[in-house]
Amino acid sequence: MQKDFDNYSISPIHIKDAWRLCDLMVSNADRFANYFPGTLKENLNPTLSKLFVEKKVKQFESKEEYLFTIKENTDRTIIGLIYVKELLKKEGQGELAYCIGYQYAGKGIITKSVSKIIDWAFKEAGLCTLQVIANQNNIASTRVAEKNGFIWQRTFPKSFQLPNGEFVDMELYELYKVGTA
């Protein structure tokens, strides 16, 4: 499965993606430190990235969790990631998480990418409900959710701990497959 738009493509994580993923994470370490600390920690060098990618490929194949890369088609650089995670298959629910490199932010790439993954999650993964959980101060993330039709549901007070130890509120947004809400 590969989805193309503009000069970008979205595809499942591939074993050959380790070096490029490491480059994305390390070059954007400050940007990803707060809301992607686990992914960042597991991709700080090529060896760690190789192990991370191997694990994520297996999880994708077993339908435990789905990680997609967003690549620039010209040089195949990984510029962002989209997770479909926290799968509750019986309930048909999953959570989306996404990030993009600083030089590609603000160009609508994540909004378009999330739109493609929503379509895939409803049609291919069989999900009926998608969630986005974002900090209210992460305006870019909440805007991506809203632009893709997600509706704010509630606030989870002090539910996420930043690397500096501070606990912050997280906002829950949900999107339902047409005909299932």
Protein backbone atom coordinates (compact mmCIF):
# COMPACT_ATOMS: atom_id res chain seq x y z
CA MET A 1 0.00 0.00 0.00
CA GLN A 2 1.43 3.33 -1.03
CA LYS A 3 -0.52 6.56 -1.23
CA ASP A 4 0.92 9.39 -3.32
CA PHE A 5 0.01 13.08 -3.34
CA ASP A 6 1.83 16.15 -4.57
CA ASN A 7 5.54 15.18 -4.35
CA TYR A 8 5.06 12.91 -1.31
CA SER A 9 4.15 9.34 -0.57
CA ILE A 10 2.88 7.46 2.47
CA SER A 11 3.80 3.83 2.92
CA PRO A 12 4.16 1.25 5.68
CA ILE A 13 7.48 1.27 7.53
CA HIS A 14 10.02 -0.81 5.64
CA ILE A 15 13.17 -2.52 6.87
CA LYS A 16 15.27 -0.27 4.61
CA ASP A 17 13.94 2.85 6.36
CA ALA A 18 16.22 2.71 9.43
CA TRP A 19 18.90 5.18 8.31
CA ARG A 20 16.41 7.69 6.96
CA LEU A 21 14.28 7.42 10.09
CA CYS A 22 17.33 8.01 12.27
CA ASP A 23 18.11 11.12 10.20
CA LEU A 24 14.57 12.46 10.67
CA MET A 25 14.54 11.89 14.42
CA VAL A 26 18.03 13.19 15.18
CA SER A 27 17.70 16.29 12.99
CA ASN A 28 14.38 17.09 14.70
CA ALA A 29 15.25 15.99 18.24
CA ASP A 30 14.16 19.29 19.83
CA ARG A 31 10.90 19.24 17.89
CA PHE A 32 10.02 15.63 18.80
CA ALA A 33 11.33 15.57 22.40
CA ASN A 34 8.03 16.54 24.06
CA TYR A 35 5.43 14.50 22.20
CA PHE A 36 7.44 11.69 20.57
CA PRO A 37 10.00 10.99 23.31
CA GLY A 38 9.79 7.19 22.99
CA THR A 39 10.21 7.18 19.22
CA LEU A 40 13.05 9.69 19.52
CA LYS A 41 14.83 7.66 22.21
CA GLU A 42 14.61 4.51 20.07
CA ASN A 43 16.10 6.25 17.01
CA LEU A 44 19.08 8.21 18.31
CA ASN A 45 21.57 6.23 16.26
CA PRO A 46 21.45 3.88 13.26
CA THR A 47 21.72 0.72 15.36
CA LEU A 48 18.77 1.71 17.53
CA SER A 49 16.79 2.69 14.43
CA LYS A 50 17.44 -0.68 12.84
CA LEU A 51 16.04 -2.45 15.92
CA PHE A 52 13.09 -0.04 16.07
CA VAL A 53 12.22 -0.53 12.41
CA GLU A 54 12.47 -4.33 12.68
CA LYS A 55 10.04 -4.22 15.63
CA LYS A 56 7.62 -1.87 13.84
CA VAL A 57 7.64 -3.97 10.64
CA LYS A 58 6.71 -7.04 12.72
CA GLN A 59 3.97 -5.11 14.51
CA PHE A 60 2.60 -3.93 11.16
CA GLU A 61 2.60 -7.46 9.75
CA SER A 62 0.85 -8.82 12.86
CA LYS A 63 -1.66 -5.92 12.76
CA GLU A 64 -0.69 -4.96 16.31
CA GLU A 65 0.25 -1.38 15.40
CA TYR A 66 0.74 0.42 12.10
CA LEU A 67 3.55 2.87 11.42
CA PHE A 68 3.62 4.76 8.14
CA THR A 69 6.40 6.92 6.76
CA ILE A 70 5.86 10.08 4.78
CA LYS A 71 8.58 10.46 2.16
CA GLU A 72 9.54 13.12 -0.29
CA ASN A 73 9.39 11.41 -3.68
CA THR A 74 12.43 13.18 -5.15
CA ASP A 75 15.08 11.73 -2.84
CA ARG A 76 12.94 9.37 -0.69
CA THR A 77 13.81 11.30 2.50
CA ILE A 78 11.52 10.44 5.40
CA ILE A 79 9.91 13.72 6.41
CA GLY A 80 7.26 12.48 8.84
CA LEU A 81 5.50 9.59 10.54
CA ILE A 82 1.93 8.54 11.21
CA TYR A 83 1.05 5.88 13.75
CA VAL A 84 -2.22 3.99 13.94
CA LYS A 85 -1.87 2.62 17.46
CA GLU A 86 -3.66 1.72 20.67
CA LEU A 87 -5.81 -0.61 18.62
CA LEU A 88 -8.93 -1.96 20.26
CA LYS A 89 -9.91 -4.30 17.45
CA LYS A 90 -13.07 -5.62 19.08
CA GLU A 91 -14.35 -2.07 19.48
CA GLY A 92 -12.97 -1.02 16.08
CA GLN A 93 -10.98 1.84 17.58
CA GLY A 94 -7.48 3.21 17.04
CA GLU A 95 -5.47 6.30 17.80
CA LEU A 96 -3.54 8.41 15.30
CA ALA A 97 -0.28 10.10 16.19
CA TYR A 98 1.76 12.09 13.71
CA CYS A 99 4.88 14.19 13.39
CA ILE A 100 6.76 16.00 10.64
CA GLY A 101 10.23 17.48 10.28
CA TYR A 102 10.58 21.18 10.98
CA GLN A 103 11.44 22.11 7.39
CA TYR A 104 8.13 20.60 6.16
CA ALA A 105 5.86 21.96 8.89
CA GLY A 106 3.05 24.35 8.01
CA LYS A 107 2.71 23.16 4.41
CA GLY A 108 -0.39 20.98 4.82
CA ILE A 109 1.55 17.75 4.31
CA ILE A 110 0.47 16.17 7.60
CA THR A 111 -3.15 17.23 7.08
CA LYS A 112 -3.21 15.53 3.65
CA SER A 113 -1.31 12.50 4.95
CA VAL A 114 -3.69 12.02 7.87
CA SER A 115 -6.60 12.21 5.43
CA LYS A 116 -5.11 9.33 3.42
CA ILE A 117 -4.50 7.26 6.57
CA ILE A 118 -8.07 7.87 7.80
CA ASP A 119 -9.36 6.41 4.56
CA TRP A 120 -7.00 3.43 4.90
CA ALA A 121 -7.88 2.87 8.59
CA PHE A 122 -11.61 2.78 7.88
CA LYS A 123 -11.43 0.71 4.68
CA GLU A 124 -8.40 -1.55 5.12
CA ALA A 125 -7.87 -1.86 8.87
CA GLY A 126 -11.58 -2.13 9.60
CA LEU A 127 -11.66 0.59 12.23
CA CYS A 128 -14.82 2.56 12.98
CA THR A 129 -13.48 5.16 15.42
CA LEU A 130 -10.23 7.09 15.26
CA GLN A 131 -8.85 9.22 18.05
CA VAL A 132 -6.25 11.95 18.26
CA ILE A 133 -4.95 12.88 21.70
CA ALA A 134 -3.01 16.14 21.64
CA ASN A 135 -1.90 18.82 24.04
CA GLN A 136 -3.98 21.97 23.64
CA ASN A 137 -0.75 23.97 23.28
CA ASN A 138 0.21 21.85 20.27
CA ILE A 139 -1.89 24.03 17.97
CA ALA A 140 -0.56 22.40 14.79
CA SER A 141 -1.65 18.93 15.94
CA THR A 142 -5.11 20.02 17.04
CA ARG A 143 -5.60 21.88 13.74
CA VAL A 144 -4.68 18.76 11.75
CA ALA A 145 -7.30 16.83 13.70
CA GLU A 146 -9.96 19.50 13.21
CA LYS A 147 -9.21 19.94 9.48
CA ASN A 148 -9.73 16.19 9.06
CA GLY A 149 -13.15 16.27 10.72
CA PHE A 150 -12.19 15.12 14.22
CA ILE A 151 -14.46 16.53 16.93
CA TRP A 152 -13.22 17.53 20.38
CA GLN A 153 -14.66 15.21 23.05
CA ARG A 154 -13.03 16.03 26.38
CA THR A 155 -9.91 17.02 28.29
CA PHE A 156 -7.74 14.55 30.18
CA PRO A 157 -6.32 16.73 32.99
CA LYS A 158 -2.61 16.38 33.72
CA SER A 159 -2.50 13.05 31.88
CA PHE A 160 0.79 13.31 29.98
CA GLN A 161 4.23 13.86 31.43
CA LEU A 162 6.71 15.88 29.40
CA PRO A 163 10.39 14.94 29.57
CA ASN A 164 10.96 17.88 31.94
CA GLY A 165 8.58 16.24 34.46
CA GLU A 166 5.68 18.65 33.91
CA PHE A 167 2.22 17.10 33.59
CA VAL A 168 0.00 18.63 30.90
CA ASP A 169 -3.65 18.33 29.89
CA MET A 170 -4.41 16.35 26.76
CA GLU A 171 -7.39 16.86 24.47
CA LEU A 172 -9.32 13.95 22.97
CA TYR A 173 -10.64 14.29 19.42
CA GLU A 174 -12.64 11.54 17.68
CA LEU A 175 -13.73 10.75 14.16
CA TYR A 176 -16.29 8.09 13.29
CA LYS A 177 -16.64 6.13 10.11
CA VAL A 178 -19.76 7.30 8.31
CA GLY A 179 -22.73 5.24 9.46
CA THR A 180 -21.16 4.02 12.72
CA ALA A 181 -21.48 6.90 15.19
